[in-house]
């Protein structure tokens, strides 16, 4: 799937590559996984994921998007549930 064909008005990811690219270009990302909101971004210069605006926070060591995609939320890696993710803001 080419990223040029992504619908900018959709609230769903249309490819896992879309999320990977957004992480790699240091975008702030807000998504919902199983009705829980998550933030992925670089607010302190290092990559982190935060649940419910700071209720839980995890810093990634390498800053590699693969670490985020392999992060487990509700028993499944993010990469394995990307089709169910709802985009709040990107």
PDB file of N, CA and C in Angstrom:
ATOM      1  N   UNK A   1       0.845  -1.185   0.000  1.00  0.00           N
ATOM      2  CA  UNK A   1       0.000   0.000   0.000  1.00  0.00           C
ATOM      3  C   UNK A   1       0.885   1.241   0.000  1.00  0.00           C
ATOM      4  N   UNK A   2       0.592   2.154  -0.864  1.00  0.00           N
ATOM      5  CA  UNK A   2       1.326   3.405  -0.895  1.00  0.00           C
ATOM      6  C   UNK A   2       0.709   4.388   0.083  1.00  0.00           C
ATOM      7  N   UNK A   3       1.562   5.113   0.767  1.00  0.00           N
ATOM      8  CA  UNK A   3       1.065   6.079   1.741  1.00  0.00           C
ATOM      9  C   UNK A   3       0.406   7.274   1.080  1.00  0.00           C
ATOM     10  N   UNK A   4       0.661   7.491  -0.206  1.00  0.00           N
ATOM     11  CA  UNK A   4       0.024   8.598  -0.928  1.00  0.00           C
ATOM     12  C   UNK A   4      -1.485   8.414  -1.036  1.00  0.00           C
ATOM     13  N   UNK A   5      -1.962   7.182  -0.878  1.00  0.00           N
ATOM     14  CA  UNK A   5      -3.380   6.883  -1.054  1.00  0.00           C
ATOM     15  C   UNK A   5      -4.155   6.848   0.261  1.00  0.00           C
ATOM     16  N   UNK A   6      -3.571   7.325   1.341  1.00  0.00           N
ATOM     17  CA  UNK A   6      -4.235   7.283   2.636  1.00  0.00           C
ATOM     18  C   UNK A   6      -5.263   8.405   2.732  1.00  0.00           C
ATOM     19  N   UNK A   7      -6.441   8.052   3.204  1.00  0.00           N
ATOM     20  CA  UNK A   7      -7.525   9.018   3.380  1.00  0.00           C
ATOM     21  C   UNK A   7      -7.252   9.863   4.627  1.00  0.00           C
ATOM     22  N   UNK A   8      -6.997  11.156   4.470  1.00  0.00           N
ATOM     23  CA  UNK A   8      -6.670  11.992   5.634  1.00  0.00           C
ATOM     24  C   UNK A   8      -7.852  12.219   6.574  1.00  0.00           C
ATOM     25  N   UNK A   9      -9.051  11.865   6.154  1.00  0.00           N
ATOM     26  CA  UNK A   9     -10.245  12.073   6.971  1.00  0.00           C
ATOM     27  C   UNK A   9     -10.689  10.820   7.714  1.00  0.00           C
ATOM     28  N   UNK A  10      -9.994   9.711   7.492  1.00  0.00           N
ATOM     29  CA  UNK A  10     -10.357   8.462   8.152  1.00  0.00           C
ATOM     30  C   UNK A  10      -9.860   8.469   9.593  1.00  0.00           C
ATOM     31  N   UNK A  11     -10.630   7.868  10.491  1.00  0.00           N
ATOM     32  CA  UNK A  11     -10.186   7.749  11.880  1.00  0.00           C
ATOM     33  C   UNK A  11      -9.560   6.385  12.143  1.00  0.00           C
ATOM     34  N   UNK A  12      -9.241   5.665  11.072  1.00  0.00           N
ATOM     35  CA  UNK A  12      -8.605   4.347  11.180  1.00  0.00           C
ATOM     36  C   UNK A  12      -7.298   4.337  10.405  1.00  0.00           C
ATOM     37  N   UNK A  13      -6.342   3.578  10.917  1.00  0.00           N
ATOM     38  CA  UNK A  13      -5.107   3.371  10.166  1.00  0.00           C
ATOM     39  C   UNK A  13      -5.438   2.553   8.933  1.00  0.00           C
ATOM     40  N   UNK A  14      -4.839   2.891   7.830  1.00  0.00           N
ATOM     41  CA  UNK A  14      -5.093   2.149   6.608  1.00  0.00           C
ATOM     42  C   UNK A  14      -3.930   1.231   6.261  1.00  0.00           C
ATOM     43  N   UNK A  15      -2.837   1.348   7.038  1.00  0.00           N
ATOM     44  CA  UNK A  15      -1.683   0.470   6.885  1.00  0.00           C
ATOM     45  C   UNK A  15      -0.821   0.611   8.136  1.00  0.00           C
ATOM     46  N   UNK A  16      -0.172  -0.457   8.524  1.00  0.00           N
ATOM     47  CA  UNK A  16       0.751  -0.397   9.641  1.00  0.00           C
ATOM     48  C   UNK A  16       1.886   0.574   9.328  1.00  0.00           C
ATOM     49  N   UNK A  17       2.264   0.650   8.068  1.00  0.00           N
ATOM     50  CA  UNK A  17       3.320   1.555   7.610  1.00  0.00           C
ATOM     51  C   UNK A  17       2.985   3.011   7.946  1.00  0.00           C
ATOM     52  N   UNK A  18       1.719   3.349   7.941  1.00  0.00           N
ATOM     53  CA  UNK A  18       1.280   4.709   8.271  1.00  0.00           C
ATOM     54  C   UNK A  18       1.704   5.066   9.692  1.00  0.00           C
ATOM     55  N   UNK A  19       1.467   4.187  10.633  1.00  0.00           N
ATOM     56  CA  UNK A  19       1.840   4.432  12.022  1.00  0.00           C
ATOM     57  C   UNK A  19       3.360   4.455  12.171  1.00  0.00           C
ATOM     58  N   UNK A  20       4.052   3.529  11.535  1.00  0.00           N
ATOM     59  CA  UNK A  20       5.506   3.472  11.607  1.00  0.00           C
ATOM     60  C   UNK A  20       6.140   4.776  11.118  1.00  0.00           C
ATOM     61  N   UNK A  21       5.659   5.272   9.995  1.00  0.00           N
ATOM     62  CA  UNK A  21       6.202   6.500   9.429  1.00  0.00           C
ATOM     63  C   UNK A  21       5.951   7.701  10.344  1.00  0.00           C
ATOM     64  N   UNK A  22       4.766   7.800  10.891  1.00  0.00           N
ATOM     65  CA  UNK A  22       4.437   8.907  11.792  1.00  0.00           C
ATOM     66  C   UNK A  22       5.350   8.909  13.019  1.00  0.00           C
ATOM     67  N   UNK A  23       5.664   7.740  13.538  1.00  0.00           N
ATOM     68  CA  UNK A  23       6.583   7.638  14.678  1.00  0.00           C
ATOM     69  C   UNK A  23       7.977   8.096  14.259  1.00  0.00           C
ATOM     70  N   UNK A  24       8.432   7.640  13.108  1.00  0.00           N
ATOM     71  CA  UNK A  24       9.794   7.921  12.660  1.00  0.00           C
ATOM     72  C   UNK A  24      10.030   9.390  12.308  1.00  0.00           C
ATOM     73  N   UNK A  25       8.977  10.106  11.931  1.00  0.00           N
ATOM     74  CA  UNK A  25       9.165  11.525  11.628  1.00  0.00           C
ATOM     75  C   UNK A  25       8.828  12.406  12.846  1.00  0.00           C
ATOM     76  N   UNK A  26       8.743  11.759  14.008  1.00  0.00           N
ATOM     77  CA  UNK A  26       8.568  12.422  15.302  1.00  0.00           C
ATOM     78  C   UNK A  26       7.236  13.165  15.435  1.00  0.00           C
ATOM     79  N   UNK A  27       6.179  12.614  14.867  1.00  0.00           N
ATOM     80  CA  UNK A  27       4.849  13.194  15.022  1.00  0.00           C
ATOM     81  C   UNK A  27       4.301  12.850  16.412  1.00  0.00           C
ATOM     82  N   UNK A  28       3.478  13.726  16.959  1.00  0.00           N
ATOM     83  CA  UNK A  28       2.713  13.401  18.154  1.00  0.00           C
ATOM     84  C   UNK A  28       1.482  12.634  17.699  1.00  0.00           C
ATOM     85  N   UNK A  29       1.238  11.500  18.316  1.00  0.00           N
ATOM     86  CA  UNK A  29       0.163  10.608  17.888  1.00  0.00           C
ATOM     87  C   UNK A  29      -0.730  10.313  19.086  1.00  0.00           C
ATOM     88  N   UNK A  30      -2.028  10.461  18.904  1.00  0.00           N
ATOM     89  CA  UNK A  30      -3.007  10.064  19.907  1.00  0.00           C
ATOM     90  C   UNK A  30      -3.912   9.030  19.258  1.00  0.00           C
ATOM     91  N   UNK A  31      -3.996   7.864  19.887  1.00  0.00           N
ATOM     92  CA  UNK A  31      -4.801   6.771  19.354  1.00  0.00           C
ATOM     93  C   UNK A  31      -5.614   6.142  20.476  1.00  0.00           C
ATOM     94  N   UNK A  32      -6.613   5.378  20.090  1.00  0.00           N
ATOM     95  CA  UNK A  32      -7.380   4.583  21.044  1.00  0.00           C
ATOM     96  C   UNK A  32      -7.196   3.116  20.698  1.00  0.00           C
ATOM     97  N   UNK A  33      -6.857   2.354  21.724  1.00  0.00           N
ATOM     98  CA  UNK A  33      -6.786   0.899  21.607  1.00  0.00           C
ATOM     99  C   UNK A  33      -7.741   0.352  22.652  1.00  0.00           C
ATOM    100  N   UNK A  34      -8.754  -0.370  22.211  1.00  0.00           N
ATOM    101  CA  UNK A  34      -9.772  -0.920  23.117  1.00  0.00           C
ATOM    102  C   UNK A  34     -10.362   0.163  24.024  1.00  0.00           C
ATOM    103  N   UNK A  35     -10.723   1.284  23.425  1.00  0.00           N
ATOM    104  CA  UNK A  35     -11.360   2.419  24.108  1.00  0.00           C
ATOM    105  C   UNK A  35     -10.480   3.106  25.148  1.00  0.00           C
ATOM    106  N   UNK A  36      -9.191   2.838  25.145  1.00  0.00           N
ATOM    107  CA  UNK A  36      -8.254   3.530  26.021  1.00  0.00           C
ATOM    108  C   UNK A  36      -7.358   4.400  25.157  1.00  0.00           C
ATOM    109  N   UNK A  37      -7.222   5.665  25.550  1.00  0.00           N
ATOM    110  CA  UNK A  37      -6.422   6.590  24.752  1.00  0.00           C
ATOM    111  C   UNK A  37      -4.942   6.471  25.108  1.00  0.00           C
ATOM    112  N   UNK A  38      -4.117   6.483  24.066  1.00  0.00           N
ATOM    113  CA  UNK A  38      -2.664   6.397  24.200  1.00  0.00           C
ATOM    114  C   UNK A  38      -2.023   7.543  23.426  1.00  0.00           C
ATOM    115  N   UNK A  39      -0.914   8.043  23.969  1.00  0.00           N
ATOM    116  CA  UNK A  39      -0.107   9.056  23.298  1.00  0.00           C
ATOM    117  C   UNK A  39       1.230   8.421  22.954  1.00  0.00           C
ATOM    118  N   UNK A  40       1.701   8.628  21.734  1.00  0.00           N
ATOM    119  CA  UNK A  40       3.026   8.196  21.308  1.00  0.00           C
ATOM    120  C   UNK A  40       3.723   9.443  20.785  1.00  0.00           C
ATOM    121  N   UNK A  41       4.900   9.724  21.301  1.00  0.00           N
ATOM    122  CA  UNK A  41       5.594  10.912  20.840  1.00  0.00           C
ATOM    123  C   UNK A  41       6.963  11.084  21.459  1.00  0.00           C
ATOM    124  N   UNK A  42       7.511  12.261  21.235  1.00  0.00           N
ATOM    125  CA  UNK A  42       8.875  12.607  21.620  1.00  0.00           C
ATOM    126  C   UNK A  42       8.902  13.871  22.479  1.00  0.00           C
ATOM    127  N   UNK A  43       8.068  14.047  23.494  1.00  0.00           N
ATOM    128  CA  UNK A  43       7.976  15.317  24.196  1.00  0.00           C
ATOM    129  C   UNK A  43       9.233  15.725  24.970  1.00  0.00           C
ATOM    130  N   UNK A  44      10.033  14.772  25.374  1.00  0.00           N
ATOM    131  CA  UNK A  44      11.252  15.061  26.139  1.00  0.00           C
ATOM    132  C   UNK A  44      12.499  14.761  25.319  1.00  0.00           C
ATOM    133  N   UNK A  45      12.344  14.584  24.024  1.00  0.00           N
ATOM    134  CA  UNK A  45      13.472  14.244  23.168  1.00  0.00           C
ATOM    135  C   UNK A  45      13.678  12.758  22.991  1.00  0.00           C
ATOM    136  N   UNK A  46      13.009  11.948  23.800  1.00  0.00           N
ATOM    137  CA  UNK A  46      13.065  10.498  23.616  1.00  0.00           C
ATOM    138  C   UNK A  46      11.649   9.968  23.393  1.00  0.00           C
ATOM    139  N   UNK A  47      11.559   8.859  22.707  1.00  0.00           N
ATOM    140  CA  UNK A  47      10.269   8.271  22.340  1.00  0.00           C
ATOM    141  C   UNK A  47       9.607   7.640  23.554  1.00  0.00           C
ATOM    142  N   UNK A  48       8.311   7.930  23.718  1.00  0.00           N
ATOM    143  CA  UNK A  48       7.568   7.318  24.813  1.00  0.00           C
ATOM    144  C   UNK A  48       6.143   7.015  24.398  1.00  0.00           C
ATOM    145  N   UNK A  49       5.514   6.158  25.196  1.00  0.00           N
ATOM    146  CA  UNK A  49       4.091   5.892  25.066  1.00  0.00           C
ATOM    147  C   UNK A  49       3.475   6.181  26.431  1.00  0.00           C
ATOM    148  N   UNK A  50       2.322   6.819  26.421  1.00  0.00           N
ATOM    149  CA  UNK A  50       1.670   7.216  27.655  1.00  0.00           C
ATOM    150  C   UNK A  50       0.189   6.856  27.561  1.00  0.00           C
ATOM    151  N   UNK A  51      -0.328   6.329  28.627  1.00  0.00           N
ATOM    152  CA  UNK A  51      -1.736   5.936  28.679  1.00  0.00           C
ATOM    153  C   UNK A  51      -2.535   7.014  29.394  1.00  0.00           C
ATOM    154  N   UNK A  52      -3.667   7.403  28.798  1.00  0.00           N
ATOM    155  CA  UNK A  52      -4.593   8.350  29.425  1.00  0.00           C
ATOM    156  C   UNK A  52      -3.898   9.610  29.933  1.00  0.00           C
ATOM    157  N   UNK A  53      -3.145  10.256  29.047  1.00  0.00           N
ATOM    158  CA  UNK A  53      -2.506  11.540  29.374  1.00  0.00           C
ATOM    159  C   UNK A  53      -1.634  11.491  30.624  1.00  0.00           C
ATOM    160  N   UNK A  54      -0.812  10.477  30.737  1.00  0.00           N
ATOM    161  CA  UNK A  54       0.160  10.426  31.817  1.00  0.00           C
ATOM    162  C   UNK A  54      -0.145   9.463  32.940  1.00  0.00           C
ATOM    163  N   UNK A  55      -1.274   8.765  32.890  1.00  0.00           N
ATOM    164  CA  UNK A  55      -1.602   7.788  33.923  1.00  0.00           C
ATOM    165  C   UNK A  55      -0.510   6.722  34.005  1.00  0.00           C
ATOM    166  N   UNK A  56       0.055   6.376  32.857  1.00  0.00           N
ATOM    167  CA  UNK A  56       1.143   5.414  32.754  1.00  0.00           C
ATOM    168  C   UNK A  56       2.062   5.917  31.654  1.00  0.00           C
ATOM    169  N   UNK A  57       3.360   5.770  31.851  1.00  0.00           N
ATOM    170  CA  UNK A  57       4.307   6.244  30.841  1.00  0.00           C
ATOM    171  C   UNK A  57       5.461   5.251  30.719  1.00  0.00           C
ATOM    172  N   UNK A  58       5.851   4.955  29.477  1.00  0.00           N
ATOM    173  CA  UNK A  58       6.977   4.057  29.222  1.00  0.00           C
ATOM    174  C   UNK A  58       7.898   4.703  28.196  1.00  0.00           C
ATOM    175  N   UNK A  59       9.188   4.852  28.562  1.00  0.00           N
ATOM    176  CA  UNK A  59      10.192   5.380  27.640  1.00  0.00           C
ATOM    177  C   UNK A  59      10.836   4.222  26.888  1.00  0.00           C
ATOM    178  N   UNK A  60      11.046   4.418  25.595  1.00  0.00           N
ATOM    179  CA  UNK A  60      11.714   3.417  24.786  1.00  0.00           C
ATOM    180  C   UNK A  60      13.193   3.740  24.715  1.00  0.00           C
ATOM    181  N   UNK A  61      14.031   2.732  24.845  1.00  0.00           N
ATOM    182  CA  UNK A  61      15.481   2.918  24.898  1.00  0.00           C
ATOM    183  C   UNK A  61      16.070   3.386  23.577  1.00  0.00           C
ATOM    184  N   UNK A  62      15.665   2.763  22.482  1.00  0.00           N
ATOM    185  CA  UNK A  62      16.325   3.042  21.210  1.00  0.00           C
ATOM    186  C   UNK A  62      15.673   4.163  20.404  1.00  0.00           C
ATOM    187  N   UNK A  63      14.405   4.422  20.642  1.00  0.00           N
ATOM    188  CA  UNK A  63      13.697   5.395  19.813  1.00  0.00           C
ATOM    189  C   UNK A  63      13.313   4.831  18.463  1.00  0.00           C
ATOM    190  N   UNK A  64      13.391   3.521  18.326  1.00  0.00           N
ATOM    191  CA  UNK A  64      13.067   2.834  17.078  1.00  0.00           C
ATOM    192  C   UNK A  64      11.563   2.545  17.028  1.00  0.00           C
ATOM    193  N   UNK A  65      10.941   2.826  15.901  1.00  0.00           N
ATOM    194  CA  UNK A  65       9.500   2.588  15.760  1.00  0.00           C
ATOM    195  C   UNK A  65       9.153   1.122  15.989  1.00  0.00           C
ATOM    196  N   UNK A  66      10.078   0.217  15.694  1.00  0.00           N
ATOM    197  CA  UNK A  66       9.831  -1.227  15.891  1.00  0.00           C
ATOM    198  C   UNK A  66       9.530  -1.527  17.361  1.00  0.00           C
ATOM    199  N   UNK A  67      10.204  -0.816  18.270  1.00  0.00           N
ATOM    200  CA  UNK A  67       9.946  -1.010  19.701  1.00  0.00           C
ATOM    201  C   UNK A  67       8.499  -0.669  20.048  1.00  0.00           C
ATOM    202  N   UNK A  68       7.994   0.409  19.469  1.00  0.00           N
ATOM    203  CA  UNK A  68       6.609   0.816  19.721  1.00  0.00           C
ATOM    204  C   UNK A  68       5.652  -0.207  19.126  1.00  0.00           C
ATOM    205  N   UNK A  69       5.900  -0.609  17.901  1.00  0.00           N
ATOM    206  CA  UNK A  69       5.006  -1.558  17.234  1.00  0.00           C
ATOM    207  C   UNK A  69       4.998  -2.917  17.921  1.00  0.00           C
ATOM    208  N   UNK A  70       6.085  -3.258  18.605  1.00  0.00           N
ATOM    209  CA  UNK A  70       6.156  -4.519  19.344  1.00  0.00           C
ATOM    210  C   UNK A  70       5.699  -4.378  20.795  1.00  0.00           C
ATOM    211  N   UNK A  71       5.338  -3.157  21.202  1.00  0.00           N
ATOM    212  CA  UNK A  71       4.867  -2.921  22.566  1.00  0.00           C
ATOM    213  C   UNK A  71       3.518  -3.621  22.765  1.00  0.00           C
ATOM    214  N   UNK A  72       3.354  -4.265  23.899  1.00  0.00           N
ATOM    215  CA  UNK A  72       2.147  -5.043  24.170  1.00  0.00           C
ATOM    216  C   UNK A  72       1.126  -4.204  24.935  1.00  0.00           C
ATOM    217  N   UNK A  73      -0.069  -4.122  24.366  1.00  0.00           N
ATOM    218  CA  UNK A  73      -1.208  -3.449  24.987  1.00  0.00           C
ATOM    219  C   UNK A  73      -2.347  -4.459  25.045  1.00  0.00           C
ATOM    220  N   UNK A  74      -2.851  -4.706  26.211  1.00  0.00           N
ATOM    221  CA  UNK A  74      -3.952  -5.658  26.419  1.00  0.00           C
ATOM    222  C   UNK A  74      -3.610  -7.043  25.850  1.00  0.00           C
ATOM    223  N   UNK A  75      -2.371  -7.473  26.062  1.00  0.00           N
ATOM    224  CA  UNK A  75      -1.971  -8.826  25.682  1.00  0.00           C
ATOM    225  C   UNK A  75      -1.591  -9.032  24.229  1.00  0.00           C
ATOM    226  N   UNK A  76      -1.597  -7.965  23.420  1.00  0.00           N
ATOM    227  CA  UNK A  76      -1.237  -8.083  22.006  1.00  0.00           C
ATOM    228  C   UNK A  76      -0.305  -6.948  21.604  1.00  0.00           C
ATOM    229  N   UNK A  77       0.642  -7.264  20.722  1.00  0.00           N
ATOM    230  CA  UNK A  77       1.521  -6.228  20.195  1.00  0.00           C
ATOM    231  C   UNK A  77       0.685  -5.219  19.406  1.00  0.00           C
ATOM    232  N   UNK A  78       1.104  -3.958  19.452  1.00  0.00           N
ATOM    233  CA  UNK A  78       0.410  -2.921  18.689  1.00  0.00           C
ATOM    234  C   UNK A  78       0.374  -3.304  17.213  1.00  0.00           C
ATOM    235  N   UNK A  79       1.471  -3.845  16.680  1.00  0.00           N
ATOM    236  CA  UNK A  79       1.512  -4.222  15.261  1.00  0.00           C
ATOM    237  C   UNK A  79       0.449  -5.270  14.894  1.00  0.00           C
ATOM    238  N   UNK A  80       0.026  -6.074  15.864  1.00  0.00           N
ATOM    239  CA  UNK A  80      -0.965  -7.118  15.589  1.00  0.00           C
ATOM    240  C   UNK A  80      -2.400  -6.640  15.730  1.00  0.00           C
ATOM    241  N   UNK A  81      -2.583  -5.411  16.206  1.00  0.00           N
ATOM    242  CA  UNK A  81      -3.950  -4.896  16.365  1.00  0.00           C
ATOM    243  C   UNK A  81      -4.147  -3.542  15.695  1.00  0.00           C
ATOM    244  N   UNK A  82      -3.266  -3.213  14.758  1.00  0.00           N
ATOM    245  CA  UNK A  82      -3.327  -1.895  14.111  1.00  0.00           C
ATOM    246  C   UNK A  82      -4.663  -1.647  13.418  1.00  0.00           C
ATOM    247  N   UNK A  83      -5.305  -2.682  12.921  1.00  0.00           N
ATOM    248  CA  UNK A  83      -6.592  -2.499  12.222  1.00  0.00           C
ATOM    249  C   UNK A  83      -7.709  -2.027  13.155  1.00  0.00           C
ATOM    250  N   UNK A  84      -7.537  -2.278  14.451  1.00  0.00           N
ATOM    251  CA  UNK A  84      -8.562  -1.906  15.445  1.00  0.00           C
ATOM    252  C   UNK A  84      -8.288  -0.550  16.093  1.00  0.00           C
ATOM    253  N   UNK A  85      -7.145   0.052  15.777  1.00  0.00           N
ATOM    254  CA  UNK A  85      -6.772   1.328  16.385  1.00  0.00           C
ATOM    255  C   UNK A  85      -7.593   2.466  15.788  1.00  0.00           C
ATOM    256  N   UNK A  86      -8.086   3.334  16.664  1.00  0.00           N
ATOM    257  CA  UNK A  86      -8.811   4.533  16.251  1.00  0.00           C
ATOM    258  C   UNK A  86      -7.867   5.728  16.407  1.00  0.00           C
ATOM    259  N   UNK A  87      -7.758   6.527  15.374  1.00  0.00           N
ATOM    260  CA  UNK A  87      -6.906   7.707  15.411  1.00  0.00           C
ATOM    261  C   UNK A  87      -7.664   8.839  16.072  1.00  0.00           C
ATOM    262  N   UNK A  88      -7.093   9.406  17.116  1.00  0.00           N
ATOM    263  CA  UNK A  88      -7.664  10.581  17.771  1.00  0.00           C
ATOM    264  C   UNK A  88      -7.048  11.826  17.142  1.00  0.00           C
ATOM    265  N   UNK A  89      -5.720  11.845  17.030  1.00  0.00           N
ATOM    266  CA  UNK A  89      -5.008  12.969  16.393  1.00  0.00           C
ATOM    267  C   UNK A  89      -3.635  12.505  15.920  1.00  0.00           C
ATOM    268  N   UNK A  90      -3.237  13.027  14.768  1.00  0.00           N
ATOM    269  CA  UNK A  90      -1.895  12.777  14.227  1.00  0.00           C
ATOM    270  C   UNK A  90      -1.417  14.058  13.606  1.00  0.00           C
TER     271      UNK A  90
END
